Amino acid sequence: MSWLDDSDDLDDDFEDFDESSIRTRPNPKANRPRTKRRPAHDDAQIGRVLGVDRGRYSVLLDEDTPDERLITAARARELRRNPIVTGDQAKVVGDISGEDGTLGRIIGIADRTSLLRRSADDTDQVERVIVANADQMLVVVAAADPEPRARLVDRYLVAALDAGIRPLLVVTKTDLADPSRFLSHFDGLDLRVFTSGQDEMPVDEIGAALVGHSTVFVGHSGVGKSTLVNALVPSALRATGHVNQVTGRGRHTSSSTVSLRYVGPEGNGWVIDTPGVRSFGLGHVNPANILAAFTELAEIAENCPRGCTHLADAPDCALIEAAESGELSETGLARLDSLQRLLQTFADKAEQPPGR
């Protein structure tokens, strides 16, 4: 026996409480579920990244046109793990008028033609990206104060070759010392060399080599790189320093990488100034590419057996045989020594157990 009377109609009694028409959202955060689809950004414009300061990128739009303007942009969240460096061709959207207080947004990077990188040392696999899309590297070294380091220049040359960048060399402070002996180390290389002294800085000659190119300037601290940049681009106002007389080390004056427009009588180009470094690790470079930086040795090495390491104990190595037979000059022997030192560094790294 039910305590409900047969005359009771439950559906009628609770009709006012029917909730079947209420829309519910299963998402506990009460918002629309995220999608992996992103806007196409067909209206994005491409500009040259000139520099970065505290997460804000300076981007030049409509380069070499009446509408050329410099804007400030931030990186989109989806690019937070992708490095954006000076020289990149960035895709930007948002407010790109360039007016004060406006901020665009970088939503992508165009394919790079080159990428110059270095590591902290030869055993460090972590790359430090320096600049993108450069097609020339100007290595700046002093004839004295501080003393030139041939093997550091060798490393620059290897990094340039690995990145597909044409190397150039300028020796500063030639009024303090004769660079002839140092320069003999690079005899036989496809390397254009400029010399510069206090009273004879070849600004026009170097400038002519910059026209139509994006040239990254690299060098040891204190070699006069910032002084040279200021001479080529007077509006740059890059800070200059001096060399410590006790340690012989230069003081870091350029603290960031920045692109500067060179304007010369024969045309324009881009100067990419970088902070001075005292070491240039090649942990990211494929050892097979190192030999190609030593042009005259690479030709002899074509007679080496397959898989030759070119190290001092390599059997039947054509380079070692050429050295023993007197085929190599004094300069060639010094170049071979530099090559073997670099290759030995990679050989030692390969022998280290995993995790070290």
Protein backbone atom coordinates (compact mmCIF):
# COMPACT_ATOMS: atom_id res chain seq x y z
CA MET A 1 0.00 0.00 0.00
CA SER A 2 1.53 3.31 -1.08
CA TRP A 3 1.21 6.27 1.17
CA LEU A 4 0.59 8.30 -2.01
CA ASP A 5 -2.95 8.59 -3.07
CA ASP A 6 -3.77 7.27 -6.49
CA SER A 7 -5.14 10.67 -7.39
CA ASP A 8 -1.77 12.37 -6.86
CA ASP A 9 -0.10 13.32 -10.16
CA LEU A 10 3.58 13.78 -9.46
CA ASP A 11 4.40 15.13 -12.92
CA ASP A 12 1.91 17.93 -12.47
CA ASP A 13 3.10 18.79 -8.97
CA PHE A 14 6.75 19.21 -10.05
CA GLU A 15 6.17 20.68 -13.52
CA ASP A 16 7.40 24.10 -12.35
CA PHE A 17 10.73 22.58 -11.30
CA ASP A 18 11.62 21.00 -14.65
CA GLU A 19 15.31 21.80 -15.50
CA SER A 20 15.62 19.91 -18.78
CA SER A 21 15.89 23.14 -20.78
CA ILE A 22 18.86 24.49 -18.79
CA ARG A 23 22.19 24.55 -20.73
CA THR A 24 25.10 23.07 -18.84
CA ARG A 25 28.82 23.31 -19.67
CA PRO A 26 30.97 20.34 -18.68
CA ASN A 27 34.17 22.44 -18.48
CA PRO A 28 34.81 22.94 -14.73
CA LYS A 29 36.44 26.31 -15.45
CA ALA A 30 33.22 27.48 -17.11
CA ASN A 31 35.01 28.70 -20.21
CA ARG A 32 35.35 27.48 -23.74
CA PRO A 33 37.77 24.58 -24.21
CA ARG A 34 41.14 25.54 -25.73
CA THR A 35 41.85 24.63 -29.31
CA LYS A 36 45.12 23.95 -31.05
CA ARG A 37 43.96 25.88 -34.06
CA ARG A 38 45.63 29.25 -34.38
CA PRO A 39 44.71 32.24 -36.53
CA ALA A 40 46.28 32.25 -39.97
CA HIS A 41 47.46 35.85 -39.58
CA ASP A 42 47.32 36.45 -43.31
CA ASP A 43 47.72 40.17 -42.61
CA ALA A 44 51.09 39.73 -40.84
CA GLN A 45 53.95 41.92 -42.06
CA ILE A 46 57.59 40.84 -42.12
CA GLY A 47 60.28 43.07 -40.65
CA ARG A 48 63.95 42.93 -39.67
CA VAL A 49 64.71 42.42 -35.96
CA LEU A 50 67.30 45.05 -35.03
CA GLY A 51 67.68 44.21 -31.35
CA VAL A 52 66.01 43.08 -28.15
CA ASP A 53 65.79 44.76 -24.76
CA ARG A 54 64.08 43.11 -21.79
CA GLY A 55 61.64 41.10 -23.86
CA ARG A 56 60.82 43.90 -26.28
CA TYR A 57 61.98 43.60 -29.87
CA SER A 58 62.82 46.48 -32.21
CA VAL A 59 61.53 45.56 -35.66
CA LEU A 60 62.02 47.55 -38.88
CA LEU A 61 59.04 47.38 -41.23
CA ASP A 62 58.79 48.38 -44.90
CA GLU A 63 62.57 48.63 -45.13
CA ASP A 64 63.91 51.05 -47.76
CA THR A 65 60.45 52.39 -48.64
CA PRO A 66 58.72 55.72 -47.84
CA ASP A 67 56.69 53.85 -45.21
CA GLU A 68 59.75 52.53 -43.34
CA ARG A 69 59.23 52.65 -39.58
CA LEU A 70 60.59 51.12 -36.40
CA ILE A 71 58.11 49.40 -34.11
CA THR A 72 58.29 47.70 -30.74
CA ALA A 73 56.91 44.17 -30.48
CA ALA A 74 56.53 41.38 -27.96
CA ARG A 75 56.82 37.67 -28.65
CA ALA A 76 53.63 35.62 -28.89
CA ARG A 77 53.13 33.01 -26.21
CA GLU A 78 53.42 30.11 -28.64
CA LEU A 79 56.95 31.25 -29.54
CA ARG A 80 58.24 31.36 -25.98
CA ARG A 81 60.58 28.40 -26.60
CA ASN A 82 61.80 29.62 -29.97
CA PRO A 83 64.76 32.02 -29.90
CA ILE A 84 64.26 35.30 -31.76
CA VAL A 85 67.57 37.01 -32.45
CA THR A 86 68.96 40.05 -34.18
CA GLY A 87 68.73 39.65 -37.93
CA ASP A 88 65.60 37.50 -37.89
CA GLN A 89 62.81 38.27 -40.34
CA ALA A 90 59.85 38.44 -37.95
CA LYS A 91 56.16 38.16 -38.80
CA VAL A 92 54.30 40.81 -36.79
CA VAL A 93 50.64 41.68 -36.23
CA GLY A 94 48.73 44.04 -33.97
CA ASP A 95 49.45 47.73 -33.72
CA ILE A 96 52.35 48.18 -36.12
CA SER A 97 51.95 51.90 -36.67
CA GLY A 98 55.17 52.62 -34.81
CA GLU A 99 53.60 55.40 -32.75
CA ASP A 100 54.68 55.97 -29.15
CA GLY A 101 53.10 53.55 -26.70
CA THR A 102 52.09 50.99 -29.33
CA LEU A 103 53.08 47.34 -29.21
CA GLY A 104 53.01 44.77 -31.96
CA ARG A 105 53.22 41.01 -31.59
CA ILE A 106 55.67 38.61 -33.24
CA ILE A 107 53.77 35.50 -34.27
CA GLY A 108 56.40 33.78 -36.40
CA ILE A 109 59.86 33.81 -37.94
CA ALA A 110 60.63 33.47 -41.64
CA ASP A 111 63.05 30.75 -42.75
CA ARG A 112 66.65 31.70 -41.93
CA THR A 113 69.39 31.74 -44.54
CA SER A 114 72.11 31.37 -41.90
CA LEU A 115 72.48 31.07 -38.15
CA LEU A 116 75.70 31.93 -36.32
CA ARG A 117 76.04 30.07 -33.03
CA ARG A 118 78.58 29.37 -30.34
CA SER A 119 78.79 27.34 -27.16
CA ALA A 120 80.41 28.11 -23.82
CA ASP A 121 83.15 25.56 -24.54
CA ASP A 122 83.86 22.69 -26.89
CA THR A 123 82.12 20.12 -24.69
CA ASP A 124 78.95 22.17 -24.17
CA GLN A 125 76.07 21.04 -26.37
CA VAL A 126 73.94 24.07 -25.45
CA GLU A 127 73.94 26.50 -28.36
CA ARG A 128 73.99 30.24 -27.91
CA VAL A 129 72.49 31.84 -30.97
CA ILE A 130 74.31 35.05 -31.91
CA VAL A 131 72.68 36.32 -35.08
CA ALA A 132 70.47 35.15 -37.94
CA ASN A 133 70.60 35.80 -41.70
CA ALA A 134 74.10 37.31 -41.75
CA ASP A 135 76.09 36.58 -44.90
CA GLN A 136 79.45 38.00 -43.75
CA MET A 137 81.52 37.87 -40.58
CA LEU A 138 84.12 40.55 -39.87
CA VAL A 139 86.62 39.23 -37.34
CA VAL A 140 88.32 42.10 -35.48
CA VAL A 141 91.68 41.41 -33.86
CA ALA A 142 94.36 43.75 -32.49
CA ALA A 143 98.02 43.58 -33.51
CA ALA A 144 98.86 44.26 -29.84
CA ASP A 145 97.22 45.22 -26.56
CA PRO A 146 95.76 42.61 -26.33
CA GLU A 147 98.00 40.21 -28.21
CA PRO A 148 96.35 38.52 -31.20
CA ARG A 149 95.24 34.92 -30.76
CA ALA A 150 95.48 32.96 -33.99
CA ARG A 151 93.57 29.98 -32.66
CA LEU A 152 90.64 32.15 -31.60
CA VAL A 153 90.47 33.45 -35.16
CA ASP A 154 90.60 29.85 -36.38
CA ARG A 155 87.51 29.16 -34.30
CA TYR A 156 85.70 32.13 -35.79
CA LEU A 157 86.54 30.86 -39.25
CA VAL A 158 85.21 27.39 -38.45
CA ALA A 159 81.98 28.84 -37.03
CA ALA A 160 81.56 31.06 -40.09
CA LEU A 161 82.07 28.16 -42.47
CA ASP A 162 79.66 25.98 -40.51
CA ALA A 163 77.02 28.73 -40.80
CA GLY A 164 77.66 29.38 -44.49
CA ILE A 165 79.00 32.89 -43.83
CA ARG A 166 81.89 34.55 -45.68
CA PRO A 167 84.68 35.59 -43.27
CA LEU A 168 86.66 38.86 -43.37
CA LEU A 169 89.49 39.94 -41.07
CA VAL A 170 90.57 43.37 -39.84
CA VAL A 171 93.69 43.89 -37.72
CA THR A 172 93.54 47.03 -35.58
CA LYS A 173 96.27 48.90 -33.67
CA THR A 174 98.87 48.24 -36.35
CA ASP A 175 100.63 51.40 -35.15
CA LEU A 176 101.59 49.42 -32.02
CA ALA A 177 102.96 46.30 -33.70
CA ASP A 178 103.64 44.78 -37.11
CA PRO A 179 100.94 42.15 -37.82
CA SER A 180 102.84 40.45 -40.65
CA ARG A 181 103.91 37.40 -38.63
CA PHE A 182 100.41 36.95 -37.25
CA LEU A 183 98.82 37.29 -40.68
CA SER A 184 101.19 34.71 -42.15
CA HIS A 185 99.23 32.15 -40.13
CA PHE A 186 96.35 32.63 -42.58
CA ASP A 187 98.33 32.42 -45.82
CA GLY A 188 96.52 30.39 -48.42
CA LEU A 189 93.06 31.00 -47.00
CA ASP A 190 90.28 32.68 -48.95
CA LEU A 191 90.24 35.52 -46.44
CA ARG A 192 90.19 39.24 -47.21
CA VAL A 193 92.31 41.18 -44.71
CA PHE A 194 92.16 44.86 -43.71
CA THR A 195 94.67 46.63 -41.47
CA SER A 196 93.87 49.64 -39.30
CA GLY A 197 95.98 52.01 -37.21
CA GLN A 198 95.24 55.00 -35.03
CA ASP A 199 95.86 57.44 -37.88
CA GLU A 200 94.93 55.18 -40.78
CA MET A 201 91.53 53.56 -40.31
CA PRO A 202 90.32 52.28 -43.72
CA VAL A 203 86.69 53.21 -43.14
CA ASP A 204 85.84 53.64 -46.82
CA GLU A 205 87.53 50.39 -47.84
CA ILE A 206 85.83 48.37 -45.12
CA GLY A 207 82.54 50.17 -45.75
CA ALA A 208 82.61 49.24 -49.43
CA ALA A 209 82.82 45.58 -48.39
CA LEU A 210 79.68 46.01 -46.27
CA VAL A 211 77.42 47.34 -49.05
CA GLY A 212 74.59 44.95 -49.81
CA HIS A 213 75.51 42.61 -46.97
CA SER A 214 74.56 41.85 -43.38
CA THR A 215 77.92 41.66 -41.63
CA VAL A 216 78.31 40.45 -38.06
CA PHE A 217 81.29 41.95 -36.19
CA VAL A 218 83.01 39.61 -33.73
CA GLY A 219 86.18 39.86 -31.70
CA HIS A 220 87.98 39.61 -28.39
CA SER A 221 87.18 42.28 -25.82
CA GLY A 222 89.37 45.37 -26.14
CA VAL A 223 90.45 44.96 -29.78
CA GLY A 224 88.73 48.17 -30.92
CA LYS A 225 85.59 46.65 -32.40
CA SER A 226 83.27 49.31 -30.97
CA THR A 227 85.63 52.05 -32.14
CA LEU A 228 85.46 50.65 -35.66
CA VAL A 229 81.67 50.38 -35.52
CA ASN A 230 81.40 54.02 -34.42
CA ALA A 231 83.62 55.08 -37.30
CA LEU A 232 81.47 53.22 -39.81
CA VAL A 233 78.14 54.21 -38.24
CA PRO A 234 78.62 57.58 -36.46
CA SER A 235 75.11 57.46 -35.02
CA ALA A 236 75.81 54.13 -33.29
CA LEU A 237 77.45 55.69 -30.20
CA ARG A 238 78.68 52.29 -29.04
CA ALA A 239 80.59 52.46 -25.75
CA THR A 240 84.36 52.02 -25.95
CA GLY A 241 86.74 50.86 -23.24
CA HIS A 242 90.38 50.08 -22.58
CA VAL A 243 92.60 47.10 -21.93
CA ASN A 244 93.64 46.22 -18.39
CA GLN A 245 97.41 46.69 -18.23
CA VAL A 246 97.78 43.96 -15.60
CA THR A 247 95.67 41.15 -17.07
CA GLY A 248 95.89 42.17 -20.72
CA ARG A 249 92.16 41.66 -21.00
CA GLY A 250 89.73 44.03 -22.61
CA ARG A 251 86.65 45.29 -20.91
CA HIS A 252 83.24 44.30 -22.26
CA THR A 253 81.69 47.51 -23.62
CA SER A 254 78.98 46.20 -25.99
CA SER A 255 76.45 44.39 -23.82
CA SER A 256 73.96 43.39 -26.50
CA THR A 257 73.77 42.41 -30.16
CA VAL A 258 72.29 45.13 -32.35
CA SER A 259 71.89 45.81 -36.08
CA LEU A 260 73.01 49.22 -37.35
CA ARG A 261 72.54 50.58 -40.84
CA TYR A 262 75.72 51.49 -42.70
CA VAL A 263 75.21 54.31 -45.19
CA GLY A 264 78.10 54.79 -47.59
CA PRO A 265 78.83 56.53 -50.88
CA GLU A 266 78.43 53.25 -52.78
CA GLY A 267 75.30 52.00 -51.01
CA ASN A 268 73.96 50.69 -47.74
CA GLY A 269 74.52 47.61 -45.63
CA TRP A 270 73.97 46.31 -42.13
CA VAL A 271 76.53 46.18 -39.32
CA ILE A 272 75.64 43.71 -36.56
CA ASP A 273 77.69 44.52 -33.49
CA THR A 274 78.10 41.79 -30.87
CA PRO A 275 79.55 41.78 -27.34
CA GLY A 276 83.25 40.93 -27.12
CA VAL A 277 84.11 37.37 -26.15
CA ARG A 278 87.24 35.72 -24.73
CA SER A 279 86.30 32.23 -25.89
CA PHE A 280 84.30 30.76 -28.73
CA GLY A 281 83.18 27.19 -28.15
CA LEU A 282 82.44 24.92 -31.10
CA GLY A 283 80.46 22.25 -29.30
CA HIS A 284 77.60 22.66 -31.79
CA VAL A 285 79.74 22.29 -34.92
CA ASN A 286 79.97 19.08 -36.92
CA PRO A 287 83.68 18.08 -36.77
CA ALA A 288 83.48 17.06 -40.43
CA ASN A 289 83.09 20.74 -41.33
CA ILE A 290 86.23 21.89 -39.53
CA LEU A 291 88.69 20.73 -42.18
CA ALA A 292 86.96 22.83 -44.82
CA ALA A 293 88.01 25.98 -42.94
CA PHE A 294 91.64 25.13 -43.72
CA THR A 295 91.45 25.40 -47.50
CA GLU A 296 95.01 24.43 -48.40
CA LEU A 297 94.98 21.47 -46.01
CA ALA A 298 91.60 20.28 -47.27
CA GLU A 299 93.06 19.82 -50.74
CA ILE A 300 95.85 17.58 -49.41
CA ALA A 301 93.38 15.67 -47.21
CA GLU A 302 91.52 14.50 -50.31
CA ASN A 303 94.23 11.81 -50.55
CA CYS A 304 93.52 10.54 -47.02
CA PRO A 305 91.85 7.14 -46.53
CA ARG A 306 88.14 7.07 -45.85
CA GLY A 307 87.32 7.91 -42.24
CA CYS A 308 90.70 9.49 -41.53
CA THR A 309 90.68 11.53 -38.30
CA HIS A 310 93.66 13.70 -39.38
CA LEU A 311 94.97 13.50 -35.82
CA ALA A 312 98.67 13.12 -35.02
CA ASP A 313 98.37 9.33 -34.71
CA ALA A 314 96.13 8.81 -37.76
CA PRO A 315 97.54 6.01 -39.99
CA ASP A 316 98.25 6.85 -43.64
CA CYS A 317 97.06 10.44 -43.17
CA ALA A 318 98.07 12.51 -46.21
CA LEU A 319 98.45 15.60 -44.03
CA ILE A 320 100.95 13.93 -41.70
CA GLU A 321 102.86 12.50 -44.66
CA ALA A 322 103.00 15.96 -46.25
CA ALA A 323 104.38 17.42 -43.03
CA GLU A 324 107.02 14.70 -42.67
CA SER A 325 108.16 15.00 -46.29
CA GLY A 326 108.63 18.76 -46.02
CA GLU A 327 105.76 19.54 -48.39
CA LEU A 328 104.19 21.89 -45.86
CA SER A 329 105.73 25.30 -45.23
CA GLU A 330 106.25 26.70 -41.75
CA THR A 331 102.87 28.36 -42.05
CA GLY A 332 101.31 25.12 -43.23
CA LEU A 333 102.73 23.29 -40.23
CA ALA A 334 101.23 25.89 -37.91
CA ARG A 335 97.88 25.51 -39.65
CA LEU A 336 98.05 21.77 -39.32
CA ASP A 337 98.76 22.16 -35.62
CA SER A 338 95.67 24.38 -35.22
CA LEU A 339 93.55 21.90 -37.15
CA GLN A 340 94.72 18.93 -35.08
CA ARG A 341 94.14 20.80 -31.82
CA LEU A 342 90.53 21.50 -32.80
CA LEU A 343 89.95 17.94 -33.99
CA GLN A 344 91.54 16.53 -30.83
CA THR A 345 89.09 18.54 -28.73
CA PHE A 346 86.19 16.84 -30.47
CA ALA A 347 87.87 13.44 -30.22
CA ASP A 348 88.28 13.87 -26.46
CA LYS A 349 84.65 14.93 -26.16
CA ALA A 350 83.48 11.83 -28.03
CA GLU A 351 85.41 9.57 -25.65
CA GLN A 352 83.76 11.01 -22.54
CA PRO A 353 81.17 8.68 -20.98
CA PRO A 354 77.52 9.78 -21.23
CA GLY A 355 76.40 12.24 -18.60
CA ARG A 356 79.76 13.97 -18.21
